[in-house]
Amino acid sequence: MRNPNGYGSVVKLSGNRRNPFMVRKTIGWNEKGYPIYDIIGYTSSKEAGMIMLAEYNNDPWDINAHKMTLKDLYELWLEKKYPKLGKSLQGSLKSAYKHCYKIHLMRYREIKAIHMQDCIDKCGKGYSTQWAIKNLFGHLDKFALELDVINKSYAQLINADPIPETTKGRLSNEQINTIWKIYESGEYPWADSILVFIYTGFRISELLSIEVANVDLDNRTITGGMKSEAGKNRIIPIHPLIYDIIVKRMNEGNKYLFSLNGKHCSKTQYYEFWYEIIDQLGEHRTPHECRHTFRSLLDDAGANKKCIDMMMGHKSNDVGERRYTHKSIESLREAIELIKR
């Protein structure tokens, strides 16, 4: 059966090719009356070619965009998106691109998770570089989706070595203020989670597991925690500075306070957001250091040691048997509100 005029065609090319069928569409005629074609793509069979042609006619895409290589996309991203990023993040992403050289001439729409993962696995570097590569593909996928180069993101399927936790560091007041500015800019939706880390002391696994059912807005408390008997189901008063953040997250109507597409956010997925934001501080930090920052802020403010240990979920001689009463919760609230911005 013949295709309608202007529909396009599928033709077989000569020679031994992996994808011998060319899908094309006539876009005009030259001065000699010969047709001028735009190549939509290549397929391994005529049937696959007809499907591609039908999809194109149903929802035409930018053929030139579909021809974009990783190199083409990266260079356009450098022009359009790169200048809006923090200097530290710019540096790490630019360095990450050097580890993608083997696939830089591949059409971006043909790059799958296995190709991205191979760049990470063969970079020969530690977790910092691996996460930078993963982060770069996240940025490029997002940009490619905007341009209709791809219709599915594979960056979320790739993995990098876990970022090691440490208890040695704490965020400086200047860095905390920077996080506030990033949050207030509205550019990074997950910046609010870092502030909640800082003003609650929850571990990453604890924060991501908090259900909205365990948030009491009337009494302004969050119940959460795990790992030890002293740390399980501990009550943390909601600091006034993050109250609006908590309310906004609650109003999303999800099961978990911090959800990704309405579902539980894994640590691996969260680190992708974390790395993108925290890199702008120009210094490597981990979520666990926010917990250490919380304790340091309480210590610096002269908070009661028993209250600090209860909120941190630490067992100490001062705590004894942990019982929450109205009086004890108010004591915790008084302690936490000693922290000022």
C-alpha atoms as a PDB file:
ATOM      1  CA  MET A   1       0.000   0.000   0.000  1.00  0.00           C
ATOM      2  CA  ARG A   2       1.379   3.377  -0.995  1.00  0.00           C
ATOM      3  CA  ASN A   3       1.948   6.087   1.614  1.00  0.00           C
ATOM      4  CA  PRO A   4      -0.034   9.350   1.305  1.00  0.00           C
ATOM      5  CA  ASN A   5       1.674  12.317  -0.339  1.00  0.00           C
ATOM      6  CA  GLY A   6       4.025  14.067   2.079  1.00  0.00           C
ATOM      7  CA  TYR A   7       3.953  11.145   4.528  1.00  0.00           C
ATOM      8  CA  GLY A   8       7.536  10.035   3.968  1.00  0.00           C
ATOM      9  CA  SER A   9       9.077   6.693   3.112  1.00  0.00           C
ATOM     10  CA  VAL A  10      11.341   3.868   4.268  1.00  0.00           C
ATOM     11  CA  VAL A  11      14.071   2.753   1.853  1.00  0.00           C
ATOM     12  CA  LYS A  12      16.717   0.072   2.115  1.00  0.00           C
ATOM     13  CA  LEU A  13      20.344   1.134   1.652  1.00  0.00           C
ATOM     14  CA  SER A  14      22.962  -0.985  -0.062  1.00  0.00           C
ATOM     15  CA  GLY A  15      25.816  -2.689   1.726  1.00  0.00           C
ATOM     16  CA  ASN A  16      26.162  -4.539   5.011  1.00  0.00           C
ATOM     17  CA  ARG A  17      24.774  -2.164   7.632  1.00  0.00           C
ATOM     18  CA  ARG A  18      23.527  -2.653  11.159  1.00  0.00           C
ATOM     19  CA  ASN A  19      20.541  -0.381  10.415  1.00  0.00           C
ATOM     20  CA  PRO A  20      20.057  -0.578   6.619  1.00  0.00           C
ATOM     21  CA  PHE A  21      16.615   1.044   6.447  1.00  0.00           C
ATOM     22  CA  MET A  22      16.508   4.822   6.095  1.00  0.00           C
ATOM     23  CA  VAL A  23      13.409   6.691   7.263  1.00  0.00           C
ATOM     24  CA  ARG A  24      13.067   9.950   5.349  1.00  0.00           C
ATOM     25  CA  LYS A  25      10.668  12.718   4.435  1.00  0.00           C
ATOM     26  CA  THR A  26      10.641  15.011   1.404  1.00  0.00           C
ATOM     27  CA  ILE A  27      11.011  18.669   2.388  1.00  0.00           C
ATOM     28  CA  GLY A  28      11.359  20.227  -1.058  1.00  0.00           C
ATOM     29  CA  TRP A  29      12.836  19.993  -4.541  1.00  0.00           C
ATOM     30  CA  ASN A  30      16.080  21.217  -6.035  1.00  0.00           C
ATOM     31  CA  GLU A  31      16.450  23.204  -9.268  1.00  0.00           C
ATOM     32  CA  LYS A  32      16.642  19.976 -11.295  1.00  0.00           C
ATOM     33  CA  GLY A  33      13.423  18.654  -9.845  1.00  0.00           C
ATOM     34  CA  TYR A  34      15.000  16.085  -7.541  1.00  0.00           C
ATOM     35  CA  PRO A  35      13.565  15.669  -4.040  1.00  0.00           C
ATOM     36  CA  ILE A  36      15.385  17.042  -0.986  1.00  0.00           C
ATOM     37  CA  TYR A  37      15.110  14.726   2.000  1.00  0.00           C
ATOM     38  CA  ASP A  38      15.354  15.153   5.748  1.00  0.00           C
ATOM     39  CA  ILE A  39      16.573  11.950   7.368  1.00  0.00           C
ATOM     40  CA  ILE A  40      14.387  11.025  10.338  1.00  0.00           C
ATOM     41  CA  GLY A  41      16.475   8.016  11.354  1.00  0.00           C
ATOM     42  CA  TYR A  42      17.734   4.517  10.596  1.00  0.00           C
ATOM     43  CA  THR A  43      16.302   1.159  11.650  1.00  0.00           C
ATOM     44  CA  SER A  44      17.191  -2.524  11.458  1.00  0.00           C
ATOM     45  CA  SER A  45      13.972  -3.531   9.675  1.00  0.00           C
ATOM     46  CA  LYS A  46      11.355  -2.017   7.395  1.00  0.00           C
ATOM     47  CA  GLU A  47       8.676  -2.666  10.013  1.00  0.00           C
ATOM     48  CA  ALA A  48      10.634  -0.678  12.607  1.00  0.00           C
ATOM     49  CA  GLY A  49      11.109   2.064  10.026  1.00  0.00           C
ATOM     50  CA  MET A  50       7.382   2.291   9.343  1.00  0.00           C
ATOM     51  CA  ILE A  51       6.734   2.545  13.075  1.00  0.00           C
ATOM     52  CA  MET A  52       9.287   5.376  13.357  1.00  0.00           C
ATOM     53  CA  LEU A  53       7.694   7.138  10.387  1.00  0.00           C
ATOM     54  CA  ALA A  54       4.215   6.770  11.887  1.00  0.00           C
ATOM     55  CA  GLU A  55       5.420   8.137  15.242  1.00  0.00           C
ATOM     56  CA  TYR A  56       7.038  11.076  13.493  1.00  0.00           C
ATOM     57  CA  ASN A  57       3.896  11.923  11.508  1.00  0.00           C
ATOM     58  CA  ASN A  58       1.763  11.587  14.625  1.00  0.00           C
ATOM     59  CA  ASP A  59       3.989  13.910  16.671  1.00  0.00           C
ATOM     60  CA  PRO A  60       6.742  15.497  14.538  1.00  0.00           C
ATOM     61  CA  TRP A  61       9.997  16.172  16.324  1.00  0.00           C
ATOM     62  CA  ASP A  62      12.928  18.393  15.509  1.00  0.00           C
ATOM     63  CA  ILE A  63      14.974  16.149  13.228  1.00  0.00           C
ATOM     64  CA  ASN A  64      18.121  18.172  13.825  1.00  0.00           C
ATOM     65  CA  ALA A  65      17.632  17.856  17.584  1.00  0.00           C
ATOM     66  CA  HIS A  66      17.432  14.089  17.211  1.00  0.00           C
ATOM     67  CA  LYS A  67      20.774  14.166  15.420  1.00  0.00           C
ATOM     68  CA  MET A  68      22.500  15.947  18.317  1.00  0.00           C
ATOM     69  CA  THR A  69      25.525  14.168  19.712  1.00  0.00           C
ATOM     70  CA  LEU A  70      26.604  14.280  23.338  1.00  0.00           C
ATOM     71  CA  LYS A  71      29.195  16.857  22.272  1.00  0.00           C
ATOM     72  CA  ASP A  72      26.561  19.001  20.522  1.00  0.00           C
ATOM     73  CA  LEU A  73      24.223  18.883  23.501  1.00  0.00           C
ATOM     74  CA  TYR A  74      27.009  19.587  25.996  1.00  0.00           C
ATOM     75  CA  GLU A  75      28.214  22.640  24.052  1.00  0.00           C
ATOM     76  CA  LEU A  76      24.671  24.030  23.825  1.00  0.00           C
ATOM     77  CA  TRP A  77      24.182  23.327  27.545  1.00  0.00           C
ATOM     78  CA  LEU A  78      27.416  25.214  28.270  1.00  0.00           C
ATOM     79  CA  GLU A  79      25.934  28.199  26.464  1.00  0.00           C
ATOM     80  CA  LYS A  80      22.401  28.091  27.898  1.00  0.00           C
ATOM     81  CA  LYS A  81      22.527  26.516  31.367  1.00  0.00           C
ATOM     82  CA  TYR A  82      26.115  26.429  32.602  1.00  0.00           C
ATOM     83  CA  PRO A  83      26.450  30.187  33.366  1.00  0.00           C
ATOM     84  CA  LYS A  84      23.545  29.984  35.838  1.00  0.00           C
ATOM     85  CA  LEU A  85      25.331  27.437  38.076  1.00  0.00           C
ATOM     86  CA  GLY A  86      27.612  28.116  41.038  1.00  0.00           C
ATOM     87  CA  LYS A  87      31.340  28.301  40.279  1.00  0.00           C
ATOM     88  CA  SER A  88      32.200  25.152  42.245  1.00  0.00           C
ATOM     89  CA  LEU A  89      29.465  23.165  40.506  1.00  0.00           C
ATOM     90  CA  GLN A  90      30.605  24.533  37.146  1.00  0.00           C
ATOM     91  CA  GLY A  91      34.113  23.241  37.791  1.00  0.00           C
ATOM     92  CA  SER A  92      33.069  19.750  38.854  1.00  0.00           C
ATOM     93  CA  LEU A  93      30.681  19.269  35.910  1.00  0.00           C
ATOM     94  CA  LYS A  94      33.207  20.533  33.390  1.00  0.00           C
ATOM     95  CA  SER A  95      35.798  18.108  34.764  1.00  0.00           C
ATOM     96  CA  ALA A  96      33.230  15.295  34.679  1.00  0.00           C
ATOM     97  CA  TYR A  97      32.713  15.761  30.934  1.00  0.00           C
ATOM     98  CA  LYS A  98      36.327  14.747  30.293  1.00  0.00           C
ATOM     99  CA  HIS A  99      35.407  11.232  31.441  1.00  0.00           C
ATOM    100  CA  CYS A 100      32.664  10.975  28.782  1.00  0.00           C
ATOM    101  CA  TYR A 101      35.013  11.348  25.810  1.00  0.00           C
ATOM    102  CA  LYS A 102      34.463   7.815  24.475  1.00  0.00           C
ATOM    103  CA  ILE A 103      30.789   8.508  23.790  1.00  0.00           C
ATOM    104  CA  HIS A 104      30.920  12.229  22.994  1.00  0.00           C
ATOM    105  CA  LEU A 105      30.183  11.627  19.284  1.00  0.00           C
ATOM    106  CA  MET A 106      27.217   9.316  19.919  1.00  0.00           C
ATOM    107  CA  ARG A 107      23.767  10.692  19.196  1.00  0.00           C
ATOM    108  CA  TYR A 108      22.427  11.673  22.585  1.00  0.00           C
ATOM    109  CA  ARG A 109      19.083   9.962  21.996  1.00  0.00           C
ATOM    110  CA  GLU A 110      20.985   6.672  21.528  1.00  0.00           C
ATOM    111  CA  ILE A 111      22.899   6.961  24.809  1.00  0.00           C
ATOM    112  CA  LYS A 112      21.384   4.633  27.395  1.00  0.00           C
ATOM    113  CA  ALA A 113      22.031   4.022  31.083  1.00  0.00           C
ATOM    114  CA  ILE A 114      24.668   1.379  30.274  1.00  0.00           C
ATOM    115  CA  HIS A 115      26.762   3.956  28.377  1.00  0.00           C
ATOM    116  CA  MET A 116      26.497   6.488  31.194  1.00  0.00           C
ATOM    117  CA  GLN A 117      27.328   3.852  33.806  1.00  0.00           C
ATOM    118  CA  ASP A 118      30.376   2.800  31.804  1.00  0.00           C
ATOM    119  CA  CYS A 119      31.720   6.366  31.998  1.00  0.00           C
ATOM    120  CA  ILE A 120      31.418   6.211  35.786  1.00  0.00           C
ATOM    121  CA  ASP A 121      32.803   2.695  36.195  1.00  0.00           C
ATOM    122  CA  LYS A 122      35.841   3.357  34.002  1.00  0.00           C
ATOM    123  CA  CYS A 123      36.716   6.858  35.199  1.00  0.00           C
ATOM    124  CA  GLY A 124      39.255   5.425  37.660  1.00  0.00           C
ATOM    125  CA  LYS A 125      38.351   8.057  40.254  1.00  0.00           C
ATOM    126  CA  GLY A 126      36.680   8.140  43.658  1.00  0.00           C
ATOM    127  CA  TYR A 127      33.127   8.911  44.706  1.00  0.00           C
ATOM    128  CA  SER A 128      33.475  12.690  44.222  1.00  0.00           C
ATOM    129  CA  THR A 129      34.260  12.391  40.495  1.00  0.00           C
ATOM    130  CA  GLN A 130      31.744   9.564  40.054  1.00  0.00           C
ATOM    131  CA  TRP A 131      28.968  11.687  41.531  1.00  0.00           C
ATOM    132  CA  ALA A 132      30.028  14.614  39.352  1.00  0.00           C
ATOM    133  CA  ILE A 133      29.634  12.426  36.228  1.00  0.00           C
ATOM    134  CA  LYS A 134      26.235  11.208  37.409  1.00  0.00           C
ATOM    135  CA  ASN A 135      25.253  14.793  38.183  1.00  0.00           C
ATOM    136  CA  LEU A 136      26.380  15.944  34.721  1.00  0.00           C
ATOM    137  CA  PHE A 137      24.204  13.355  32.978  1.00  0.00           C
ATOM    138  CA  GLY A 138      21.318  14.506  35.171  1.00  0.00           C
ATOM    139  CA  HIS A 139      21.760  18.072  33.928  1.00  0.00           C
ATOM    140  CA  LEU A 140      22.140  16.980  30.303  1.00  0.00           C
ATOM    141  CA  ASP A 141      19.107  14.679  30.430  1.00  0.00           C
ATOM    142  CA  LYS A 142      16.991  17.488  31.858  1.00  0.00           C
ATOM    143  CA  PHE A 143      18.166  19.834  29.092  1.00  0.00           C
ATOM    144  CA  ALA A 144      17.647  17.146  26.425  1.00  0.00           C
ATOM    145  CA  LEU A 145      14.067  16.628  27.619  1.00  0.00           C
ATOM    146  CA  GLU A 146      13.437  20.365  27.276  1.00  0.00           C
ATOM    147  CA  LEU A 147      14.686  20.239  23.683  1.00  0.00           C
ATOM    148  CA  ASP A 148      12.727  17.061  22.824  1.00  0.00           C
ATOM    149  CA  VAL A 149      15.999  15.318  22.029  1.00  0.00           C
ATOM    150  CA  ILE A 150      14.897  12.453  24.301  1.00  0.00           C
ATOM    151  CA  ASN A 151      11.621  11.431  25.890  1.00  0.00           C
ATOM    152  CA  LYS A 152      13.079   9.431  28.779  1.00  0.00           C
ATOM    153  CA  SER A 153      15.832  10.162  31.307  1.00  0.00           C
ATOM    154  CA  TYR A 154      18.362   7.415  32.023  1.00  0.00           C
ATOM    155  CA  ALA A 155      20.541   9.440  34.418  1.00  0.00           C
ATOM    156  CA  GLN A 156      18.359   8.455  37.373  1.00  0.00           C
ATOM    157  CA  LEU A 157      19.147   4.771  36.709  1.00  0.00           C
ATOM    158  CA  ILE A 158      22.935   5.035  37.061  1.00  0.00           C
ATOM    159  CA  ASN A 159      24.940   4.599  40.258  1.00  0.00           C
ATOM    160  CA  ALA A 160      28.079   6.005  41.843  1.00  0.00           C
ATOM    161  CA  ASP A 161      30.042   4.942  44.910  1.00  0.00           C
ATOM    162  CA  PRO A 162      28.280   6.033  48.130  1.00  0.00           C
ATOM    163  CA  ILE A 163      29.505   9.223  49.748  1.00  0.00           C
ATOM    164  CA  PRO A 164      31.181   8.264  53.042  1.00  0.00           C
ATOM    165  CA  GLU A 165      29.698   9.752  56.168  1.00  0.00           C
ATOM    166  CA  THR A 166      31.857  11.557  58.673  1.00  0.00           C
ATOM    167  CA  THR A 167      31.220  13.114  62.069  1.00  0.00           C
ATOM    168  CA  LYS A 168      34.255  15.418  62.054  1.00  0.00           C
ATOM    169  CA  GLY A 169      32.959  18.517  60.292  1.00  0.00           C
ATOM    170  CA  ARG A 170      30.223  21.052  60.775  1.00  0.00           C
ATOM    171  CA  LEU A 171      28.810  23.733  58.547  1.00  0.00           C
ATOM    172  CA  SER A 172      29.945  27.252  59.331  1.00  0.00           C
ATOM    173  CA  ASN A 173      27.412  30.019  59.960  1.00  0.00           C
ATOM    174  CA  GLU A 174      28.364  31.477  56.590  1.00  0.00           C
ATOM    175  CA  GLN A 175      27.619  28.151  54.879  1.00  0.00           C
ATOM    176  CA  ILE A 176      24.276  27.878  56.675  1.00  0.00           C
ATOM    177  CA  ASN A 177      23.399  31.371  55.435  1.00  0.00           C
ATOM    178  CA  THR A 178      24.359  30.295  51.910  1.00  0.00           C
ATOM    179  CA  ILE A 179      21.972  27.325  52.158  1.00  0.00           C
ATOM    180  CA  TRP A 180      19.227  29.721  53.234  1.00  0.00           C
ATOM    181  CA  LYS A 181      19.912  31.934  50.209  1.00  0.00           C
ATOM    182  CA  ILE A 182      19.842  28.924  47.876  1.00  0.00           C
ATOM    183  CA  TYR A 183      16.511  27.835  49.390  1.00  0.00           C
ATOM    184  CA  GLU A 184      15.031  31.336  49.167  1.00  0.00           C
ATOM    185  CA  SER A 185      16.039  31.612  45.496  1.00  0.00           C
ATOM    186  CA  GLY A 186      13.521  28.857  44.739  1.00  0.00           C
ATOM    187  CA  GLU A 187      15.860  27.330  42.168  1.00  0.00           C
ATOM    188  CA  TYR A 188      16.553  24.117  44.091  1.00  0.00           C
ATOM    189  CA  PRO A 189      13.393  22.509  45.573  1.00  0.00           C
ATOM    190  CA  TRP A 190      15.383  20.102  47.758  1.00  0.00           C
ATOM    191  CA  ALA A 191      17.373  22.851  49.496  1.00  0.00           C
ATOM    192  CA  ASP A 192      14.649  22.816  52.151  1.00  0.00           C
ATOM    193  CA  SER A 193      15.697  19.311  53.211  1.00  0.00           C
ATOM    194  CA  ILE A 194      19.198  20.537  54.099  1.00  0.00           C
ATOM    195  CA  LEU A 195      17.731  23.179  56.395  1.00  0.00           C
ATOM    196  CA  VAL A 196      15.551  20.539  58.051  1.00  0.00           C
ATOM    197  CA  PHE A 197      18.688  18.427  58.596  1.00  0.00           C
ATOM    198  CA  ILE A 198      20.419  21.387  60.245  1.00  0.00           C
ATOM    199  CA  TYR A 199      17.530  22.263  62.572  1.00  0.00           C
ATOM    200  CA  THR A 200      16.449  18.732  63.572  1.00  0.00           C
ATOM    201  CA  GLY A 201      19.619  16.639  63.700  1.00  0.00           C
ATOM    202  CA  PHE A 202      18.010  13.706  61.893  1.00  0.00           C
ATOM    203  CA  ARG A 203      20.206  11.238  60.019  1.00  0.00           C
ATOM    204  CA  ILE A 204      19.614  10.925  56.273  1.00  0.00           C
ATOM    205  CA  SER A 205      17.820   7.573  56.557  1.00  0.00           C
ATOM    206  CA  GLU A 206      15.697   8.957  59.398  1.00  0.00           C
ATOM    207  CA  LEU A 207      14.620  12.097  57.561  1.00  0.00           C
ATOM    208  CA  LEU A 208      13.719  10.251  54.360  1.00  0.00           C
ATOM    209  CA  SER A 209      11.622   7.765  56.367  1.00  0.00           C
ATOM    210  CA  ILE A 210       9.511  10.324  58.242  1.00  0.00           C
ATOM    211  CA  GLU A 211       5.841   9.968  57.381  1.00  0.00           C
ATOM    212  CA  VAL A 212       3.510  12.961  57.508  1.00  0.00           C
ATOM    213  CA  ALA A 213       1.459  11.017  60.061  1.00  0.00           C
ATOM    214  CA  ASN A 214       4.364  11.510  62.470  1.00  0.00           C
ATOM    215  CA  VAL A 215       4.301  15.291  62.134  1.00  0.00           C
ATOM    216  CA  ASP A 216       2.129  17.049  64.726  1.00  0.00           C
ATOM    217  CA  LEU A 217       1.522  20.607  63.537  1.00  0.00           C
ATOM    218  CA  ASP A 218      -0.720  21.415  66.511  1.00  0.00           C
ATOM    219  CA  ASN A 219       2.068  20.686  68.971  1.00  0.00           C
ATOM    220  CA  ARG A 220       4.768  21.529  66.438  1.00  0.00           C
ATOM    221  CA  THR A 221       6.746  18.311  66.804  1.00  0.00           C
ATOM    222  CA  ILE A 222       8.171  15.578  64.585  1.00  0.00           C
ATOM    223  CA  THR A 223       8.504  12.001  65.786  1.00  0.00           C
ATOM    224  CA  GLY A 224      11.203   9.996  64.069  1.00  0.00           C
ATOM    225  CA  GLY A 225      14.538   8.277  64.387  1.00  0.00           C
ATOM    226  CA  MET A 226      16.047   4.827  64.291  1.00  0.00           C
ATOM    227  CA  LYS A 227      19.380   3.016  64.770  1.00  0.00           C
ATOM    228  CA  SER A 228      19.358   2.678  68.596  1.00  0.00           C
ATOM    229  CA  GLU A 229      16.883   2.385  71.450  1.00  0.00           C
ATOM    230  CA  ALA A 230      17.730   5.916  72.540  1.00  0.00           C
ATOM    231  CA  GLY A 231      17.280   7.198  68.999  1.00  0.00           C
ATOM    232  CA  LYS A 232      14.052   5.461  67.998  1.00  0.00           C
ATOM    233  CA  ASN A 233      10.836   7.482  67.907  1.00  0.00           C
ATOM    234  CA  ARG A 234      12.411  10.532  69.476  1.00  0.00           C
ATOM    235  CA  ILE A 235      10.440  13.767  69.503  1.00  0.00           C
ATOM    236  CA  ILE A 236      11.969  16.859  67.938  1.00  0.00           C
ATOM    237  CA  PRO A 237      10.205  20.225  68.316  1.00  0.00           C
ATOM    238  CA  ILE A 238       9.844  22.020  64.979  1.00  0.00           C
ATOM    239  CA  HIS A 239      12.105  25.057  65.013  1.00  0.00           C
ATOM    240  CA  PRO A 240      10.179  28.215  63.997  1.00  0.00           C
ATOM    241  CA  LEU A 241      12.685  28.815  61.192  1.00  0.00           C
ATOM    242  CA  ILE A 242      11.635  25.620  59.386  1.00  0.00           C
ATOM    243  CA  TYR A 243       7.948  25.520  60.349  1.00  0.00           C
ATOM    244  CA  ASP A 244       6.773  26.908  56.988  1.00  0.00           C
ATOM    245  CA  ILE A 245       9.005  24.398  55.180  1.00  0.00           C
ATOM    246  CA  ILE A 246       7.370  21.527  57.063  1.00  0.00           C
ATOM    247  CA  VAL A 247       3.863  22.866  56.374  1.00  0.00           C
ATOM    248  CA  LYS A 248       4.610  23.253  52.661  1.00  0.00           C
ATOM    249  CA  ARG A 249       5.881  19.675  52.434  1.00  0.00           C
ATOM    250  CA  MET A 250       2.857  18.428  54.397  1.00  0.00           C
ATOM    251  CA  ASN A 251       0.509  20.156  51.960  1.00  0.00           C
ATOM    252  CA  GLU A 252       1.905  18.110  49.068  1.00  0.00           C
ATOM    253  CA  GLY A 253      -0.290  15.281  50.334  1.00  0.00           C
ATOM    254  CA  ASN A 254       2.273  12.483  50.158  1.00  0.00           C
ATOM    255  CA  LYS A 255       2.881   9.639  52.589  1.00  0.00           C
ATOM    256  CA  TYR A 256       6.428  10.753  53.335  1.00  0.00           C
ATOM    257  CA  LEU A 257       7.398  14.257  54.375  1.00  0.00           C
ATOM    258  CA  PHE A 258      10.149  14.294  51.749  1.00  0.00           C
ATOM    259  CA  SER A 259       8.859  12.381  48.739  1.00  0.00           C
ATOM    260  CA  LEU A 260      10.097  11.981  45.183  1.00  0.00           C
ATOM    261  CA  ASN A 261       7.235  11.835  42.685  1.00  0.00           C
ATOM    262  CA  GLY A 262       4.914  10.911  45.540  1.00  0.00           C
ATOM    263  CA  LYS A 263       7.029   7.965  46.657  1.00  0.00           C
ATOM    264  CA  HIS A 264       9.796   7.255  49.156  1.00  0.00           C
ATOM    265  CA  CYS A 265      13.065   8.905  48.120  1.00  0.00           C
ATOM    266  CA  SER A 266      16.053   6.564  48.364  1.00  0.00           C
ATOM    267  CA  LYS A 267      19.424   7.692  49.708  1.00  0.00           C
ATOM    268  CA  THR A 268      20.942   7.194  46.255  1.00  0.00           C
ATOM    269  CA  GLN A 269      18.349   9.467  44.668  1.00  0.00           C
ATOM    270  CA  TYR A 270      18.675  12.004  47.472  1.00  0.00           C
ATOM    271  CA  TYR A 271      22.440  12.281  47.122  1.00  0.00           C
ATOM    272  CA  GLU A 272      21.907  13.493  43.560  1.00  0.00           C
ATOM    273  CA  PHE A 273      19.930  16.490  44.892  1.00  0.00           C
ATOM    274  CA  TRP A 274      22.347  16.945  47.788  1.00  0.00           C
ATOM    275  CA  TYR A 275      25.422  17.032  45.573  1.00  0.00           C
ATOM    276  CA  GLU A 276      23.871  19.573  43.214  1.00  0.00           C
ATOM    277  CA  ILE A 277      23.131  22.004  46.056  1.00  0.00           C
ATOM    278  CA  ILE A 278      25.974  21.491  48.509  1.00  0.00           C
ATOM    279  CA  ASP A 279      28.620  21.746  45.787  1.00  0.00           C
ATOM    280  CA  GLN A 280      27.906  25.466  45.643  1.00  0.00           C
ATOM    281  CA  LEU A 281      29.529  25.851  49.057  1.00  0.00           C
ATOM    282  CA  GLY A 282      32.865  25.092  47.421  1.00  0.00           C
ATOM    283  CA  GLU A 283      33.607  22.444  50.050  1.00  0.00           C
ATOM    284  CA  HIS A 284      32.642  18.786  50.338  1.00  0.00           C
ATOM    285  CA  ARG A 285      29.941  18.199  52.962  1.00  0.00           C
ATOM    286  CA  THR A 286      27.726  15.249  53.923  1.00  0.00           C
ATOM    287  CA  PRO A 287      24.213  15.048  55.408  1.00  0.00           C
ATOM    288  CA  HIS A 288      25.745  13.615  58.583  1.00  0.00           C
ATOM    289  CA  GLU A 289      27.671  16.846  59.064  1.00  0.00           C
ATOM    290  CA  CYS A 290      24.329  18.659  59.303  1.00  0.00           C
ATOM    291  CA  ARG A 291      23.590  16.444  62.290  1.00  0.00           C
ATOM    292  CA  HIS A 292      26.922  17.427  63.822  1.00  0.00           C
ATOM    293  CA  THR A 293      26.094  21.061  63.014  1.00  0.00           C
ATOM    294  CA  PHE A 294      22.788  20.741  64.889  1.00  0.00           C
ATOM    295  CA  ARG A 295      24.581  19.562  68.021  1.00  0.00           C
ATOM    296  CA  SER A 296      27.239  22.266  67.704  1.00  0.00           C
ATOM    297  CA  LEU A 297      24.604  24.990  67.353  1.00  0.00           C
ATOM    298  CA  LEU A 298      22.880  23.737  70.495  1.00  0.00           C
ATOM    299  CA  ASP A 299      26.187  23.588  72.380  1.00  0.00           C
ATOM    300  CA  ASP A 300      27.149  27.080  71.224  1.00  0.00           C
ATOM    301  CA  ALA A 301      23.768  28.418  72.357  1.00  0.00           C
ATOM    302  CA  GLY A 302      24.240  26.913  75.833  1.00  0.00           C
ATOM    303  CA  ALA A 303      21.392  24.402  75.575  1.00  0.00           C
ATOM    304  CA  ASN A 304      20.835  21.880  78.357  1.00  0.00           C
ATOM    305  CA  LYS A 305      22.987  18.760  77.798  1.00  0.00           C
ATOM    306  CA  LYS A 306      20.159  16.396  78.713  1.00  0.00           C
ATOM    307  CA  CYS A 307      17.920  18.040  76.094  1.00  0.00           C
ATOM    308  CA  ILE A 308      20.686  17.853  73.500  1.00  0.00           C
ATOM    309  CA  ASP A 309      21.213  14.126  74.102  1.00  0.00           C
ATOM    310  CA  MET A 310      17.470  13.449  73.929  1.00  0.00           C
ATOM    311  CA  MET A 311      17.135  15.236  70.588  1.00  0.00           C
ATOM    312  CA  MET A 312      20.276  13.607  69.202  1.00  0.00           C
ATOM    313  CA  GLY A 313      19.053  10.182  70.304  1.00  0.00           C
ATOM    314  CA  HIS A 314      22.145   9.605  72.424  1.00  0.00           C
ATOM    315  CA  LYS A 315      22.162   7.552  75.581  1.00  0.00           C
ATOM    316  CA  SER A 316      23.921   9.277  78.453  1.00  0.00           C
ATOM    317  CA  ASN A 317      23.974   9.305  82.234  1.00  0.00           C
ATOM    318  CA  ASP A 318      22.030  12.559  82.215  1.00  0.00           C
ATOM    319  CA  VAL A 319      19.102  11.183  80.224  1.00  0.00           C
ATOM    320  CA  GLY A 320      18.237   8.032  82.131  1.00  0.00           C
ATOM    321  CA  GLU A 321      14.923   6.485  81.094  1.00  0.00           C
ATOM    322  CA  ARG A 322      13.486   8.572  78.297  1.00  0.00           C
ATOM    323  CA  ARG A 323       9.949   9.728  78.943  1.00  0.00           C
ATOM    324  CA  TYR A 324       8.208  12.471  77.073  1.00  0.00           C
ATOM    325  CA  THR A 325       5.857  14.679  79.054  1.00  0.00           C
ATOM    326  CA  HIS A 326       4.457  18.105  78.258  1.00  0.00           C
ATOM    327  CA  LYS A 327       7.120  19.590  80.510  1.00  0.00           C
ATOM    328  CA  SER A 328       9.985  17.678  78.892  1.00  0.00           C
ATOM    329  CA  ILE A 329       8.819  18.566  75.370  1.00  0.00           C
ATOM    330  CA  GLU A 330       8.653  22.239  76.343  1.00  0.00           C
ATOM    331  CA  SER A 331      12.198  21.929  77.687  1.00  0.00           C
ATOM    332  CA  LEU A 332      13.294  20.533  74.326  1.00  0.00           C
ATOM    333  CA  ARG A 333      11.489  23.387  72.581  1.00  0.00           C
ATOM    334  CA  GLU A 334      13.215  25.980  74.759  1.00  0.00           C
ATOM    335  CA  ALA A 335      16.562  24.363  73.956  1.00  0.00           C
ATOM    336  CA  ILE A 336      16.045  24.195  70.196  1.00  0.00           C
ATOM    337  CA  GLU A 337      14.751  27.763  69.997  1.00  0.00           C
ATOM    338  CA  LEU A 338      18.048  28.988  71.430  1.00  0.00           C
ATOM    339  CA  ILE A 339      19.390  28.455  67.905  1.00  0.00           C
ATOM    340  CA  LYS A 340      19.141  31.704  65.975  1.00  0.00           C
ATOM    341  CA  ARG A 341      19.697  32.442  62.317  1.00  0.00           C
END
